[in-house]
Amino acid sequence: MDLHKILKYFAYACGIIGAVLALLIITGSEGMIDNILYVTYVVLFVVLALILIYVVKGIFSGNIKKTLTTVGLFLGVILISYFISSGTDLDLKQFNDKGLGITEAVSKNVGAGLYAFYFLSVTAIIATFLSGLKKLLNK
């Protein structure tokens, strides 16, 4: 059995488990929220592990220049996002009054993550649009 079939069956199983747990939550069983979070954690771990495996596979299969360029660009986006995030644009007192312990460093990290997400989302949307336009023009 190849990896594609294994991952397809795993995705089906996670989807069915998630649907059942979502139906249990909808029907009022609030104790099931913890279980759906566990499924989410497992899926997140599997996705991150597969990404890591394919990055390492790409490095050793001969595409080291392309892989390192992509990783370098991603790290560049993260660094630029970190540097343009201020961390002082919120009044942290109201969060700390609730006992959350938010500092300027935490606020800066969250801001950097948001800026990186916005930039990468816009880049993905533009790339998808340009890819579709290119296919349309090549017909």
N, C-alpha and C. Protein backbone atom coordinates (compact mmCIF):
# COMPACT_ATOMS: atom_id res chain seq x y z
N MET A 1 0.86 -1.17 0.00
CA MET A 1 0.00 0.00 0.00
C MET A 1 0.90 1.24 0.00
N ASP A 2 0.67 2.13 -0.93
CA ASP A 2 1.53 3.31 -1.02
C ASP A 2 1.07 4.39 -0.04
N LEU A 3 1.92 5.40 0.10
CA LEU A 3 1.69 6.45 1.08
C LEU A 3 0.42 7.24 0.80
N HIS A 4 0.10 7.42 -0.47
CA HIS A 4 -1.10 8.20 -0.83
C HIS A 4 -2.36 7.52 -0.30
N LYS A 5 -2.46 6.21 -0.47
CA LYS A 5 -3.65 5.50 0.02
C LYS A 5 -3.73 5.54 1.54
N ILE A 6 -2.59 5.39 2.21
CA ILE A 6 -2.58 5.44 3.67
C ILE A 6 -3.07 6.80 4.16
N LEU A 7 -2.53 7.86 3.56
CA LEU A 7 -2.94 9.20 3.96
C LEU A 7 -4.40 9.48 3.63
N LYS A 8 -4.88 8.93 2.52
CA LYS A 8 -6.28 9.12 2.15
C LYS A 8 -7.19 8.46 3.18
N TYR A 9 -6.87 7.24 3.58
CA TYR A 9 -7.68 6.56 4.59
C TYR A 9 -7.58 7.25 5.95
N PHE A 10 -6.40 7.77 6.28
CA PHE A 10 -6.24 8.50 7.52
C PHE A 10 -7.10 9.77 7.51
N ALA A 11 -7.11 10.47 6.38
CA ALA A 11 -7.93 11.68 6.26
C ALA A 11 -9.41 11.34 6.37
N TYR A 12 -9.84 10.24 5.75
CA TYR A 12 -11.24 9.83 5.87
C TYR A 12 -11.59 9.52 7.32
N ALA A 13 -10.71 8.79 8.01
CA ALA A 13 -10.97 8.43 9.41
C ALA A 13 -11.06 9.68 10.28
N CYS A 14 -10.13 10.62 10.09
CA CYS A 14 -10.16 11.86 10.88
C CYS A 14 -11.42 12.67 10.57
N GLY A 15 -11.84 12.67 9.33
CA GLY A 15 -13.06 13.38 8.96
C GLY A 15 -14.29 12.78 9.60
N ILE A 16 -14.37 11.45 9.61
CA ILE A 16 -15.51 10.78 10.22
C ILE A 16 -15.52 11.01 11.73
N ILE A 17 -14.36 10.85 12.37
CA ILE A 17 -14.27 11.09 13.82
C ILE A 17 -14.64 12.54 14.14
N GLY A 18 -14.13 13.47 13.35
CA GLY A 18 -14.45 14.88 13.57
C GLY A 18 -15.92 15.18 13.38
N ALA A 19 -16.55 14.56 12.37
CA ALA A 19 -17.97 14.78 12.13
C ALA A 19 -18.81 14.22 13.29
N VAL A 20 -18.46 13.04 13.76
CA VAL A 20 -19.19 12.45 14.89
C VAL A 20 -19.05 13.33 16.13
N LEU A 21 -17.83 13.77 16.42
CA LEU A 21 -17.62 14.62 17.59
C LEU A 21 -18.33 15.97 17.44
N ALA A 22 -18.34 16.51 16.22
CA ALA A 22 -19.06 17.78 15.99
C ALA A 22 -20.55 17.60 16.20
N LEU A 23 -21.11 16.47 15.76
CA LEU A 23 -22.53 16.21 15.99
C LEU A 23 -22.83 16.06 17.47
N LEU A 24 -21.92 15.45 18.21
CA LEU A 24 -22.13 15.32 19.65
C LEU A 24 -22.10 16.68 20.34
N ILE A 25 -21.24 17.56 19.86
CA ILE A 25 -21.18 18.91 20.44
C ILE A 25 -22.45 19.68 20.10
N ILE A 26 -22.92 19.54 18.86
CA ILE A 26 -24.13 20.25 18.44
C ILE A 26 -25.34 19.79 19.26
N THR A 27 -25.38 18.50 19.59
CA THR A 27 -26.53 17.99 20.34
C THR A 27 -26.48 18.36 21.81
N GLY A 28 -25.43 19.00 22.26
CA GLY A 28 -25.40 19.51 23.62
C GLY A 28 -24.44 18.81 24.55
N SER A 29 -23.69 17.86 24.06
CA SER A 29 -22.73 17.16 24.91
C SER A 29 -21.43 17.96 24.95
N GLU A 30 -21.34 18.89 25.90
CA GLU A 30 -20.19 19.78 25.95
C GLU A 30 -18.91 19.10 26.41
N GLY A 31 -19.02 17.92 27.00
CA GLY A 31 -17.84 17.19 27.42
C GLY A 31 -17.03 16.67 26.25
N MET A 32 -17.61 16.68 25.06
CA MET A 32 -16.93 16.17 23.88
C MET A 32 -15.98 17.19 23.26
N ILE A 33 -16.00 18.41 23.74
CA ILE A 33 -15.12 19.43 23.18
C ILE A 33 -13.66 19.03 23.38
N ASP A 34 -13.35 18.44 24.52
CA ASP A 34 -11.98 17.98 24.76
C ASP A 34 -11.57 16.93 23.74
N ASN A 35 -12.47 16.02 23.41
CA ASN A 35 -12.14 14.97 22.45
C ASN A 35 -11.87 15.52 21.06
N ILE A 36 -12.66 16.50 20.62
CA ILE A 36 -12.41 17.06 19.30
C ILE A 36 -11.10 17.84 19.28
N LEU A 37 -10.72 18.42 20.42
CA LEU A 37 -9.42 19.07 20.50
C LEU A 37 -8.29 18.05 20.37
N TYR A 38 -8.46 16.86 20.96
CA TYR A 38 -7.44 15.82 20.83
C TYR A 38 -7.30 15.38 19.37
N VAL A 39 -8.42 15.26 18.66
CA VAL A 39 -8.35 14.91 17.24
C VAL A 39 -7.63 16.00 16.48
N THR A 40 -7.90 17.26 16.82
CA THR A 40 -7.23 18.38 16.17
C THR A 40 -5.72 18.33 16.41
N TYR A 41 -5.32 18.03 17.64
CA TYR A 41 -3.90 17.94 17.96
C TYR A 41 -3.23 16.81 17.19
N VAL A 42 -3.90 15.67 17.07
CA VAL A 42 -3.33 14.54 16.33
C VAL A 42 -3.16 14.90 14.86
N VAL A 43 -4.19 15.51 14.27
CA VAL A 43 -4.10 15.89 12.86
C VAL A 43 -3.00 16.93 12.65
N LEU A 44 -2.90 17.90 13.55
CA LEU A 44 -1.85 18.91 13.45
C LEU A 44 -0.48 18.26 13.53
N PHE A 45 -0.29 17.32 14.46
CA PHE A 45 1.00 16.64 14.59
C PHE A 45 1.33 15.84 13.33
N VAL A 46 0.35 15.15 12.76
CA VAL A 46 0.60 14.36 11.55
C VAL A 46 0.96 15.27 10.38
N VAL A 47 0.25 16.38 10.25
CA VAL A 47 0.55 17.31 9.15
C VAL A 47 1.95 17.90 9.31
N LEU A 48 2.31 18.31 10.52
CA LEU A 48 3.65 18.86 10.74
C LEU A 48 4.73 17.81 10.50
N ALA A 49 4.48 16.57 10.92
CA ALA A 49 5.44 15.50 10.69
C ALA A 49 5.61 15.23 9.19
N LEU A 50 4.51 15.22 8.44
CA LEU A 50 4.60 15.00 7.00
C LEU A 50 5.32 16.14 6.30
N ILE A 51 5.07 17.35 6.73
CA ILE A 51 5.79 18.49 6.15
C ILE A 51 7.28 18.34 6.39
N LEU A 52 7.65 18.00 7.61
CA LEU A 52 9.06 17.82 7.94
C LEU A 52 9.68 16.69 7.12
N ILE A 53 8.95 15.59 6.98
CA ILE A 53 9.46 14.46 6.20
C ILE A 53 9.69 14.86 4.74
N TYR A 54 8.72 15.55 4.15
CA TYR A 54 8.87 15.92 2.74
C TYR A 54 9.91 17.02 2.52
N VAL A 55 10.11 17.88 3.50
CA VAL A 55 11.19 18.87 3.38
C VAL A 55 12.54 18.17 3.40
N VAL A 56 12.72 17.25 4.34
CA VAL A 56 13.98 16.51 4.41
C VAL A 56 14.16 15.66 3.16
N LYS A 57 13.08 15.03 2.68
CA LYS A 57 13.15 14.23 1.46
C LYS A 57 13.53 15.10 0.26
N GLY A 58 12.95 16.33 0.21
CA GLY A 58 13.28 17.25 -0.88
C GLY A 58 14.73 17.71 -0.84
N ILE A 59 15.25 17.87 0.37
CA ILE A 59 16.65 18.28 0.50
C ILE A 59 17.58 17.19 -0.02
N PHE A 60 17.29 15.95 0.34
CA PHE A 60 18.19 14.86 -0.04
C PHE A 60 17.93 14.29 -1.42
N SER A 61 16.84 14.68 -2.08
CA SER A 61 16.55 14.14 -3.41
C SER A 61 17.19 14.96 -4.53
N GLY A 62 17.92 15.99 -4.19
CA GLY A 62 18.61 16.75 -5.22
C GLY A 62 18.06 18.14 -5.44
N ASN A 63 16.95 18.48 -4.84
CA ASN A 63 16.35 19.80 -4.99
C ASN A 63 16.76 20.71 -3.83
N ILE A 64 18.01 20.60 -3.43
CA ILE A 64 18.45 21.34 -2.24
C ILE A 64 18.40 22.85 -2.45
N LYS A 65 18.73 23.31 -3.65
CA LYS A 65 18.73 24.75 -3.90
C LYS A 65 17.30 25.32 -3.82
N LYS A 66 16.35 24.62 -4.45
CA LYS A 66 14.97 25.09 -4.44
C LYS A 66 14.39 25.02 -3.03
N THR A 67 14.69 23.95 -2.32
CA THR A 67 14.16 23.78 -0.96
C THR A 67 14.72 24.84 -0.03
N LEU A 68 16.02 25.06 -0.08
CA LEU A 68 16.64 26.05 0.80
C LEU A 68 16.20 27.47 0.45
N THR A 69 15.95 27.73 -0.83
CA THR A 69 15.43 29.03 -1.23
C THR A 69 14.04 29.26 -0.64
N THR A 70 13.20 28.24 -0.72
CA THR A 70 11.85 28.36 -0.18
C THR A 70 11.88 28.55 1.33
N VAL A 71 12.70 27.76 2.03
CA VAL A 71 12.80 27.88 3.48
C VAL A 71 13.37 29.26 3.85
N GLY A 72 14.35 29.73 3.09
CA GLY A 72 14.94 31.05 3.34
C GLY A 72 13.93 32.16 3.14
N LEU A 73 13.11 32.06 2.09
CA LEU A 73 12.08 33.08 1.86
C LEU A 73 11.04 33.07 2.98
N PHE A 74 10.67 31.87 3.44
CA PHE A 74 9.71 31.79 4.53
C PHE A 74 10.28 32.41 5.80
N LEU A 75 11.54 32.09 6.12
CA LEU A 75 12.16 32.69 7.30
C LEU A 75 12.31 34.19 7.15
N GLY A 76 12.55 34.66 5.91
CA GLY A 76 12.62 36.09 5.65
C GLY A 76 11.29 36.78 5.93
N VAL A 77 10.19 36.14 5.53
CA VAL A 77 8.86 36.70 5.81
C VAL A 77 8.64 36.76 7.31
N ILE A 78 9.03 35.72 8.03
CA ILE A 78 8.86 35.70 9.49
C ILE A 78 9.69 36.81 10.13
N LEU A 79 10.94 36.98 9.70
CA LEU A 79 11.80 38.02 10.27
C LEU A 79 11.27 39.42 9.98
N ILE A 80 10.86 39.66 8.74
CA ILE A 80 10.31 40.97 8.39
C ILE A 80 9.05 41.25 9.20
N SER A 81 8.21 40.24 9.35
CA SER A 81 6.99 40.40 10.14
C SER A 81 7.32 40.72 11.60
N TYR A 82 8.35 40.08 12.12
CA TYR A 82 8.74 40.34 13.50
C TYR A 82 9.25 41.76 13.67
N PHE A 83 10.02 42.24 12.70
CA PHE A 83 10.60 43.58 12.82
C PHE A 83 9.57 44.68 12.62
N ILE A 84 8.52 44.46 11.83
CA ILE A 84 7.52 45.52 11.64
C ILE A 84 6.44 45.47 12.72
N SER A 85 6.41 44.42 13.51
CA SER A 85 5.44 44.34 14.61
C SER A 85 5.97 45.14 15.79
N SER A 86 5.10 45.95 16.40
CA SER A 86 5.57 46.82 17.48
C SER A 86 5.39 46.20 18.85
N GLY A 87 4.27 45.59 19.11
CA GLY A 87 4.01 45.03 20.42
C GLY A 87 3.50 46.03 21.43
N THR A 88 3.45 47.31 21.06
CA THR A 88 2.99 48.34 21.99
C THR A 88 1.69 48.99 21.52
N ASP A 89 1.02 48.40 20.55
CA ASP A 89 -0.20 49.01 20.02
C ASP A 89 -1.45 48.61 20.79
N LEU A 90 -1.30 47.86 21.86
CA LEU A 90 -2.43 47.47 22.70
C LEU A 90 -2.25 48.01 24.11
N ASP A 91 -3.37 48.20 24.79
CA ASP A 91 -3.32 48.49 26.21
C ASP A 91 -3.32 47.15 26.94
N LEU A 92 -2.16 46.76 27.43
CA LEU A 92 -2.00 45.43 28.02
C LEU A 92 -2.58 45.34 29.43
N LYS A 93 -2.92 46.48 30.01
CA LYS A 93 -3.42 46.49 31.39
C LYS A 93 -4.71 45.69 31.53
N GLN A 94 -5.61 45.84 30.56
CA GLN A 94 -6.89 45.13 30.65
C GLN A 94 -6.71 43.62 30.54
N PHE A 95 -5.70 43.16 29.81
CA PHE A 95 -5.43 41.72 29.74
C PHE A 95 -4.80 41.21 31.03
N ASN A 96 -3.90 42.01 31.58
CA ASN A 96 -3.22 41.60 32.79
C ASN A 96 -4.12 41.68 34.02
N ASP A 97 -5.13 42.54 33.97
CA ASP A 97 -6.11 42.59 35.06
C ASP A 97 -6.92 41.30 35.14
N LYS A 98 -7.06 40.63 34.01
CA LYS A 98 -7.78 39.35 33.97
C LYS A 98 -6.86 38.17 34.32
N GLY A 99 -5.58 38.46 34.55
CA GLY A 99 -4.64 37.41 34.92
C GLY A 99 -4.05 36.65 33.75
N LEU A 100 -4.05 37.24 32.57
CA LEU A 100 -3.54 36.55 31.39
C LEU A 100 -2.02 36.64 31.26
N GLY A 101 -1.39 37.62 31.87
CA GLY A 101 0.06 37.74 31.83
C GLY A 101 0.62 38.07 30.45
N ILE A 102 -0.05 38.95 29.73
CA ILE A 102 0.40 39.35 28.40
C ILE A 102 1.47 40.42 28.54
N THR A 103 2.62 40.19 27.92
CA THR A 103 3.71 41.17 27.93
C THR A 103 3.86 41.77 26.54
N GLU A 104 4.75 42.75 26.43
CA GLU A 104 4.99 43.35 25.12
C GLU A 104 5.62 42.34 24.17
N ALA A 105 6.44 41.43 24.70
CA ALA A 105 7.06 40.40 23.85
C ALA A 105 6.00 39.45 23.29
N VAL A 106 5.04 39.08 24.12
CA VAL A 106 3.97 38.20 23.64
C VAL A 106 3.14 38.94 22.59
N SER A 107 2.84 40.20 22.84
CA SER A 107 2.08 40.99 21.88
C SER A 107 2.84 41.15 20.57
N LYS A 108 4.15 41.33 20.66
CA LYS A 108 4.97 41.46 19.45
C LYS A 108 4.98 40.15 18.66
N ASN A 109 5.07 39.02 19.35
CA ASN A 109 5.05 37.72 18.66
C ASN A 109 3.71 37.46 17.98
N VAL A 110 2.63 37.81 18.65
CA VAL A 110 1.31 37.64 18.05
C VAL A 110 1.16 38.54 16.83
N GLY A 111 1.59 39.78 16.96
CA GLY A 111 1.55 40.69 15.82
C GLY A 111 2.38 40.20 14.65
N ALA A 112 3.55 39.66 14.95
CA ALA A 112 4.40 39.13 13.88
C ALA A 112 3.72 37.96 13.19
N GLY A 113 3.08 37.09 13.96
CA GLY A 113 2.37 35.97 13.37
C GLY A 113 1.22 36.42 12.49
N LEU A 114 0.51 37.46 12.94
CA LEU A 114 -0.59 37.98 12.13
C LEU A 114 -0.08 38.61 10.83
N TYR A 115 0.98 39.41 10.93
CA TYR A 115 1.54 40.01 9.72
C TYR A 115 2.04 38.94 8.75
N ALA A 116 2.70 37.90 9.25
CA ALA A 116 3.18 36.81 8.39
C ALA A 116 1.99 36.10 7.74
N PHE A 117 0.94 35.85 8.53
CA PHE A 117 -0.25 35.20 7.98
C PHE A 117 -0.87 36.05 6.88
N TYR A 118 -1.01 37.35 7.11
CA TYR A 118 -1.60 38.23 6.10
C TYR A 118 -0.77 38.21 4.82
N PHE A 119 0.54 38.34 4.96
CA PHE A 119 1.41 38.39 3.78
C PHE A 119 1.36 37.07 3.02
N LEU A 120 1.46 35.94 3.73
CA LEU A 120 1.45 34.65 3.06
C LEU A 120 0.08 34.35 2.44
N SER A 121 -1.00 34.81 3.07
CA SER A 121 -2.34 34.61 2.50
C SER A 121 -2.50 35.41 1.21
N VAL A 122 -2.09 36.65 1.24
CA VAL A 122 -2.19 37.48 0.03
C VAL A 122 -1.31 36.90 -1.08
N THR A 123 -0.12 36.43 -0.73
CA THR A 123 0.76 35.82 -1.71
C THR A 123 0.12 34.57 -2.31
N ALA A 124 -0.50 33.73 -1.49
CA ALA A 124 -1.15 32.52 -1.99
C ALA A 124 -2.33 32.87 -2.90
N ILE A 125 -3.10 33.89 -2.54
CA ILE A 125 -4.23 34.28 -3.36
C ILE A 125 -3.75 34.81 -4.71
N ILE A 126 -2.72 35.63 -4.71
CA ILE A 126 -2.18 36.17 -5.96
C ILE A 126 -1.60 35.04 -6.82
N ALA A 127 -0.87 34.11 -6.20
CA ALA A 127 -0.30 32.99 -6.95
C ALA A 127 -1.39 32.12 -7.56
N THR A 128 -2.47 31.89 -6.82
CA THR A 128 -3.58 31.10 -7.34
C THR A 128 -4.25 31.82 -8.51
N PHE A 129 -4.45 33.12 -8.36
CA PHE A 129 -5.05 33.91 -9.43
C PHE A 129 -4.18 33.90 -10.68
N LEU A 130 -2.88 34.12 -10.51
CA LEU A 130 -1.97 34.14 -11.66
C LEU A 130 -1.88 32.78 -12.33
N SER A 131 -1.92 31.71 -11.55
CA SER A 131 -1.88 30.36 -12.11
C SER A 131 -3.13 30.10 -12.95
N GLY A 132 -4.28 30.50 -12.43
CA GLY A 132 -5.52 30.33 -13.19
C GLY A 132 -5.53 31.18 -14.44
N LEU A 133 -5.02 32.41 -14.33
CA LEU A 133 -4.94 33.29 -15.50
C LEU A 133 -4.02 32.72 -16.55
N LYS A 134 -2.89 32.15 -16.12
CA LYS A 134 -1.94 31.55 -17.06
C LYS A 134 -2.57 30.35 -17.77
N LYS A 135 -3.31 29.52 -17.06
CA LYS A 135 -3.98 28.38 -17.68
C LYS A 135 -5.05 28.86 -18.66
N LEU A 136 -5.74 29.93 -18.28
CA LEU A 136 -6.78 30.46 -19.16
C LEU A 136 -6.19 31.02 -20.44
N LEU A 137 -5.05 31.70 -20.35
CA LEU A 137 -4.44 32.30 -21.52
C LEU A 137 -3.74 31.29 -22.41
N ASN A 138 -3.33 30.15 -21.86
CA ASN A 138 -2.64 29.12 -22.64
C ASN A 138 -3.60 28.24 -23.43
N LYS A 139 -4.91 28.35 -23.18
CA LYS A 139 -5.87 27.51 -23.91
C LYS A 139 -6.09 27.99 -25.31
